[in-house]
N, C-alpha and C. Protein backbone atom coordinates (compact mmCIF):
# COMPACT_ATOMS: atom_id res chain seq x y z
N GLN A 1 0.98 16.68 13.34
CA GLN A 1 1.92 15.14 13.19
C GLN A 1 1.31 14.29 12.39
N VAL A 2 2.00 13.60 11.27
CA VAL A 2 1.50 12.67 10.48
C VAL A 2 1.50 11.16 11.25
N GLN A 3 0.22 10.69 11.42
CA GLN A 3 0.24 9.07 11.69
C GLN A 3 -0.40 8.35 10.43
N LEU A 4 0.45 7.02 10.18
CA LEU A 4 -0.01 6.44 9.45
C LEU A 4 -0.65 4.72 9.93
N VAL A 5 -1.31 4.11 9.70
CA VAL A 5 -1.57 3.05 10.38
C VAL A 5 -1.90 1.98 9.39
N GLU A 6 -1.23 0.77 8.90
CA GLU A 6 -1.68 0.05 7.90
C GLU A 6 -2.31 -1.23 8.64
N SER A 7 -3.23 -1.96 7.91
CA SER A 7 -3.88 -3.22 8.21
C SER A 7 -4.46 -3.96 7.06
N GLY A 8 -4.76 -5.09 7.46
CA GLY A 8 -5.20 -6.07 6.19
C GLY A 8 -4.34 -7.05 5.88
N GLY A 9 -3.34 -6.98 6.35
CA GLY A 9 -2.44 -8.05 5.70
C GLY A 9 -2.54 -9.54 6.71
N GLY A 10 -1.72 -10.42 5.97
CA GLY A 10 -2.07 -11.95 6.36
C GLY A 10 -1.62 -12.93 5.50
N LEU A 11 -1.76 -14.29 5.98
CA LEU A 11 -1.40 -15.24 5.18
C LEU A 11 -2.32 -15.69 3.87
N VAL A 12 -1.94 -15.67 2.67
CA VAL A 12 -3.12 -15.97 1.78
C VAL A 12 -2.23 -17.02 0.52
N GLN A 13 -3.17 -17.88 -0.03
CA GLN A 13 -2.72 -18.91 -0.92
C GLN A 13 -2.33 -17.76 -2.29
N PRO A 14 -1.41 -18.72 -3.12
CA PRO A 14 -1.10 -17.90 -4.26
C PRO A 14 -2.47 -17.93 -5.18
N GLY A 15 -2.66 -16.90 -5.52
CA GLY A 15 -3.70 -16.62 -6.31
C GLY A 15 -4.80 -15.96 -5.72
N GLY A 16 -4.67 -15.86 -4.16
CA GLY A 16 -5.72 -15.12 -3.51
C GLY A 16 -5.57 -13.76 -3.44
N SER A 17 -6.22 -13.14 -2.67
CA SER A 17 -6.66 -11.61 -2.35
C SER A 17 -6.65 -10.98 -1.20
N LEU A 18 -6.23 -10.05 -1.10
CA LEU A 18 -6.17 -9.35 0.22
C LEU A 18 -6.76 -7.77 -0.13
N ARG A 19 -7.04 -7.06 1.02
CA ARG A 19 -7.35 -5.52 0.84
C ARG A 19 -6.55 -4.98 1.81
N LEU A 20 -5.68 -4.10 1.74
CA LEU A 20 -5.01 -3.59 2.68
C LEU A 20 -5.69 -2.17 2.82
N SER A 21 -5.40 -1.75 4.12
CA SER A 21 -6.15 -0.20 4.72
C SER A 21 -5.00 0.32 5.11
N CYS A 22 -5.24 1.94 4.87
CA CYS A 22 -3.97 2.66 5.51
C CYS A 22 -4.92 3.76 6.12
N ALA A 23 -4.85 4.05 7.43
CA ALA A 23 -5.71 4.78 7.94
C ALA A 23 -4.64 6.08 8.44
N ALA A 24 -4.85 7.29 8.00
CA ALA A 24 -3.89 8.38 7.87
C ALA A 24 -4.68 9.53 8.76
N SER A 25 -3.77 10.25 9.62
CA SER A 25 -4.17 11.37 10.23
C SER A 25 -3.00 12.35 9.86
N GLY A 26 -3.15 13.73 9.76
CA GLY A 26 -2.15 14.67 9.66
C GLY A 26 -1.92 15.22 8.21
N ILE A 27 -2.78 14.45 7.23
CA ILE A 27 -2.41 14.45 5.94
C ILE A 27 -3.55 14.79 5.18
N ILE A 28 -3.35 15.77 4.31
CA ILE A 28 -4.71 15.95 3.36
C ILE A 28 -4.58 15.38 2.14
N PHE A 29 -5.61 14.59 1.76
CA PHE A 29 -5.36 13.46 0.70
C PHE A 29 -5.35 14.49 -0.67
N SER A 30 -6.67 15.61 -0.66
CA SER A 30 -6.62 16.37 -1.87
C SER A 30 -5.38 17.36 -2.28
N ARG A 31 -4.48 17.01 -1.36
CA ARG A 31 -3.15 18.04 -1.32
C ARG A 31 -1.79 17.04 -1.52
N ASN A 32 -2.07 15.87 -1.30
CA ASN A 32 -0.88 14.95 -1.12
C ASN A 32 -0.94 13.67 -2.01
N ALA A 33 -0.18 13.12 -2.96
CA ALA A 33 -0.07 12.14 -3.45
C ALA A 33 0.28 10.84 -2.37
N MET A 34 -0.29 9.73 -2.33
CA MET A 34 -0.15 8.84 -1.49
C MET A 34 0.24 7.28 -2.36
N GLY A 35 0.74 6.50 -1.68
CA GLY A 35 1.64 5.30 -2.17
C GLY A 35 1.33 4.20 -1.31
N TRP A 36 1.36 3.21 -1.90
CA TRP A 36 1.73 1.79 -1.14
C TRP A 36 3.23 1.33 -1.81
N TYR A 37 3.86 0.90 -0.65
CA TYR A 37 5.30 0.56 -0.83
C TYR A 37 5.38 -0.97 -0.25
N ARG A 38 6.14 -1.69 -0.68
CA ARG A 38 6.54 -2.91 -0.05
C ARG A 38 8.02 -3.39 0.05
N GLN A 39 8.23 -4.09 1.12
CA GLN A 39 9.66 -4.46 1.22
C GLN A 39 9.84 -6.12 1.79
N PRO A 40 10.27 -6.69 0.61
CA PRO A 40 10.35 -8.11 0.68
C PRO A 40 11.46 -8.30 1.72
N PRO A 41 11.59 -9.50 2.36
CA PRO A 41 12.84 -10.04 3.23
C PRO A 41 14.04 -9.75 2.51
N GLY A 42 14.77 -9.10 3.19
CA GLY A 42 16.35 -8.95 2.74
C GLY A 42 16.47 -7.97 1.78
N LYS A 43 15.40 -7.13 1.02
CA LYS A 43 15.23 -6.51 -0.04
C LYS A 43 15.05 -5.00 0.28
N GLN A 44 15.19 -4.14 -0.63
CA GLN A 44 14.82 -2.74 -0.48
C GLN A 44 13.43 -2.47 -0.18
N ARG A 45 12.88 -1.60 0.10
CA ARG A 45 11.52 -1.05 -0.01
C ARG A 45 11.25 -0.16 -1.24
N ASP A 46 10.25 -0.78 -2.11
CA ASP A 46 9.99 -0.05 -3.29
C ASP A 46 8.24 0.72 -3.33
N LEU A 47 8.17 1.65 -4.20
CA LEU A 47 6.65 1.92 -4.29
C LEU A 47 6.16 1.08 -5.29
N VAL A 48 4.47 0.57 -5.24
CA VAL A 48 4.16 -0.31 -5.99
C VAL A 48 2.96 0.34 -6.72
N ALA A 49 2.14 1.15 -5.99
CA ALA A 49 1.07 1.73 -6.43
C ALA A 49 0.89 3.25 -5.93
N GLY A 50 0.30 4.05 -6.57
CA GLY A 50 0.16 5.55 -6.13
C GLY A 50 -1.06 6.04 -6.59
N ILE A 51 -1.49 6.89 -5.72
CA ILE A 51 -2.52 7.92 -6.16
C ILE A 51 -2.34 9.46 -6.06
N SER A 52 -2.44 10.16 -7.17
CA SER A 52 -1.99 11.46 -6.90
C SER A 52 -3.26 12.19 -6.03
N SER A 53 -3.03 13.46 -6.01
CA SER A 53 -3.98 14.39 -5.23
C SER A 53 -5.27 14.71 -5.90
N ASP A 54 -5.16 14.32 -6.99
CA ASP A 54 -6.68 14.70 -7.95
C ASP A 54 -7.19 13.01 -8.23
N GLY A 55 -6.57 12.20 -7.74
CA GLY A 55 -7.13 10.88 -7.83
C GLY A 55 -6.82 9.84 -8.97
N ILE A 56 -5.55 10.47 -9.94
CA ILE A 56 -5.01 9.55 -10.63
C ILE A 56 -4.22 8.49 -10.02
N THR A 57 -4.37 7.31 -10.88
CA THR A 57 -3.21 6.00 -10.15
C THR A 57 -2.29 5.60 -11.22
N ASN A 58 -1.20 5.13 -10.49
CA ASN A 58 -0.14 4.42 -11.15
C ASN A 58 0.28 3.28 -10.64
N TYR A 59 0.84 2.35 -11.35
CA TYR A 59 1.25 1.15 -10.83
C TYR A 59 2.55 0.44 -11.53
N VAL A 60 3.63 -0.29 -10.76
CA VAL A 60 4.48 -0.62 -11.41
C VAL A 60 4.07 -1.78 -12.31
N GLU A 61 5.09 -2.21 -13.23
CA GLU A 61 4.37 -2.90 -14.36
C GLU A 61 3.87 -4.42 -13.78
N SER A 62 4.73 -4.77 -12.74
CA SER A 62 4.62 -6.15 -12.12
C SER A 62 3.10 -6.47 -11.38
N VAL A 63 2.64 -5.14 -10.84
CA VAL A 63 1.26 -5.35 -10.31
C VAL A 63 0.07 -4.88 -11.05
N ARG A 64 0.50 -4.30 -12.36
CA ARG A 64 -0.70 -3.54 -12.99
C ARG A 64 -1.58 -4.58 -13.51
N GLY A 65 -2.98 -4.40 -13.31
CA GLY A 65 -4.00 -5.18 -13.84
C GLY A 65 -4.49 -6.14 -12.43
N ARG A 66 -3.56 -6.02 -11.35
CA ARG A 66 -4.06 -7.08 -10.31
C ARG A 66 -4.31 -6.54 -9.07
N PHE A 67 -3.65 -4.99 -8.84
CA PHE A 67 -3.62 -4.17 -7.57
C PHE A 67 -4.32 -3.10 -8.14
N THR A 68 -5.23 -2.69 -7.14
CA THR A 68 -6.02 -1.31 -7.33
C THR A 68 -5.81 -0.57 -6.08
N ILE A 69 -5.48 0.50 -6.29
CA ILE A 69 -5.30 1.46 -5.18
C ILE A 69 -6.48 2.49 -4.97
N SER A 70 -6.83 2.80 -4.12
CA SER A 70 -8.06 3.89 -3.91
C SER A 70 -8.02 4.70 -2.67
N ARG A 71 -8.87 5.49 -2.70
CA ARG A 71 -8.92 6.31 -1.19
C ARG A 71 -10.26 6.61 -0.91
N ASP A 72 -10.34 7.13 0.42
CA ASP A 72 -11.73 7.47 0.71
C ASP A 72 -11.41 8.82 1.45
N ILE A 73 -11.66 9.77 1.00
CA ILE A 73 -11.01 11.02 1.14
C ILE A 73 -11.96 11.13 2.89
N ARG A 74 -12.94 11.33 2.82
CA ARG A 74 -13.87 11.55 4.18
C ARG A 74 -13.36 10.87 5.29
N LYS A 75 -12.88 9.66 5.07
CA LYS A 75 -12.44 8.88 6.10
C LYS A 75 -11.02 8.58 6.08
N ASN A 76 -10.28 9.58 5.35
CA ASN A 76 -8.86 9.80 5.31
C ASN A 76 -8.11 8.53 5.30
N THR A 77 -8.46 7.44 4.36
CA THR A 77 -8.13 6.21 4.51
C THR A 77 -7.63 5.68 2.77
N VAL A 78 -6.57 5.22 2.67
CA VAL A 78 -5.82 4.48 1.40
C VAL A 78 -6.16 3.16 1.37
N PHE A 79 -6.50 2.61 0.40
CA PHE A 79 -6.86 1.01 0.15
C PHE A 79 -5.98 0.60 -0.98
N LEU A 80 -5.52 -0.84 -0.73
CA LEU A 80 -4.93 -1.57 -1.75
C LEU A 80 -5.57 -2.69 -1.62
N GLN A 81 -6.13 -3.01 -3.03
CA GLN A 81 -6.75 -4.30 -3.27
C GLN A 81 -5.98 -5.32 -4.11
N MET A 82 -5.56 -6.29 -3.80
CA MET A 82 -4.42 -7.25 -4.11
C MET A 82 -5.15 -8.36 -4.59
N ASP A 83 -5.36 -8.61 -6.10
CA ASP A 83 -5.71 -9.77 -6.45
C ASP A 83 -4.78 -10.75 -7.11
N SER A 84 -4.74 -12.05 -7.46
CA SER A 84 -4.15 -13.06 -7.99
C SER A 84 -2.55 -12.84 -7.34
N LEU A 85 -2.32 -13.05 -6.16
CA LEU A 85 -1.23 -12.76 -5.65
C LEU A 85 -0.01 -13.89 -5.62
N LYS A 86 1.16 -13.41 -5.65
CA LYS A 86 2.37 -14.68 -5.85
C LYS A 86 3.08 -14.57 -4.84
N PRO A 87 3.68 -15.55 -4.81
CA PRO A 87 4.84 -16.05 -3.56
C PRO A 87 5.60 -14.94 -3.29
N GLU A 88 6.03 -14.40 -4.55
CA GLU A 88 7.27 -13.53 -4.54
C GLU A 88 6.73 -12.09 -4.05
N GLU A 89 5.49 -11.79 -3.84
CA GLU A 89 4.92 -10.92 -3.40
C GLU A 89 4.90 -10.76 -1.48
N THR A 90 5.18 -11.88 -1.23
CA THR A 90 5.21 -11.73 0.34
C THR A 90 6.44 -10.47 0.74
N ALA A 91 5.91 -9.65 1.58
CA ALA A 91 6.75 -8.66 2.01
C ALA A 91 5.63 -7.89 3.07
N VAL A 92 6.60 -7.01 3.73
CA VAL A 92 5.87 -5.98 4.46
C VAL A 92 5.36 -4.84 3.74
N TYR A 93 3.94 -4.49 3.67
CA TYR A 93 3.52 -3.25 2.93
C TYR A 93 3.19 -2.27 3.81
N TYR A 94 3.55 -1.18 3.14
CA TYR A 94 3.67 0.23 3.86
C TYR A 94 2.87 1.15 3.02
N CYS A 95 2.32 2.30 3.70
CA CYS A 95 1.48 3.42 2.94
C CYS A 95 2.42 4.55 3.28
N ASN A 96 2.79 5.73 2.66
CA ASN A 96 2.98 6.81 2.66
C ASN A 96 3.19 7.78 1.57
N GLN A 97 3.42 9.17 1.83
CA GLN A 97 2.94 9.98 0.80
C GLN A 97 4.08 9.54 -0.27
N ILE A 98 4.01 10.50 -1.53
CA ILE A 98 4.83 10.04 -2.58
C ILE A 98 5.36 11.66 -2.78
N PRO A 99 6.85 11.90 -2.83
CA PRO A 99 7.74 10.80 -2.40
C PRO A 99 7.53 10.69 -0.71
N ALA A 100 8.21 9.51 -0.61
CA ALA A 100 7.78 9.29 0.80
C ALA A 100 8.50 10.16 1.82
N ALA A 101 8.06 10.52 2.98
CA ALA A 101 8.46 11.36 3.94
C ALA A 101 8.86 10.28 5.13
N LEU A 102 10.30 10.57 5.42
CA LEU A 102 10.89 9.39 6.31
C LEU A 102 10.34 9.46 7.66
N PRO A 103 9.90 10.51 8.11
CA PRO A 103 9.21 10.33 9.84
C PRO A 103 8.23 9.53 9.71
N ASN A 104 7.47 9.47 8.45
CA ASN A 104 6.26 8.94 8.40
C ASN A 104 5.81 7.53 8.51
N TRP A 105 6.80 6.55 8.23
CA TRP A 105 6.83 5.21 8.09
C TRP A 105 6.04 4.92 9.30
N GLY A 106 4.95 4.06 8.71
CA GLY A 106 4.21 2.90 10.17
C GLY A 106 4.85 1.81 10.46
N GLN A 107 4.16 1.13 10.91
CA GLN A 107 4.81 -0.18 11.13
C GLN A 107 4.59 -1.30 10.00
N GLY A 108 3.49 -0.76 9.00
CA GLY A 108 3.32 -1.82 8.12
C GLY A 108 2.51 -2.85 8.30
N THR A 109 2.19 -3.65 7.36
CA THR A 109 1.21 -4.82 7.54
C THR A 109 1.93 -5.84 6.72
N GLN A 110 2.23 -7.06 7.48
CA GLN A 110 2.70 -8.62 6.77
C GLN A 110 2.09 -9.16 5.88
N VAL A 111 2.37 -9.15 4.57
CA VAL A 111 1.64 -10.19 3.68
C VAL A 111 2.53 -11.48 3.27
N THR A 112 1.92 -12.47 3.43
CA THR A 112 2.56 -13.58 3.20
C THR A 112 1.61 -14.34 2.35
N VAL A 113 2.46 -14.95 1.13
CA VAL A 113 1.82 -15.43 0.08
C VAL A 113 2.48 -16.70 -0.05
N SER A 114 1.62 -17.86 0.43
CA SER A 114 2.19 -19.08 0.78
C SER A 114 0.97 -20.18 0.65
N SER A 115 1.60 -21.48 -0.19
CA SER A 115 0.46 -22.65 -0.02
C SER A 115 0.80 -23.45 1.23
């Protein structure tokens, strides 16, 4: 059974940074691509960063150069370092496999970018 637990969100001022964590169980990172998704209020959930089973990273254009996805295979944890945050990036952030597995969505972690 897969369990994903996101943490690290909070309130941050524009231009600030946050580091999100996703503790996973039931998934072998070396065999699965993982990603961070976000869902702004009233909008759909979209993938923003991914890391392949062999560690190759990809980002959507809007976050490239500001967000960094990484993983610790021994701790089965995926991270998202977010720098230079913008108000429009206020959202609930989730981790999941790529492509996302519907039963695996966790509670997410709220990120609010506001002054």
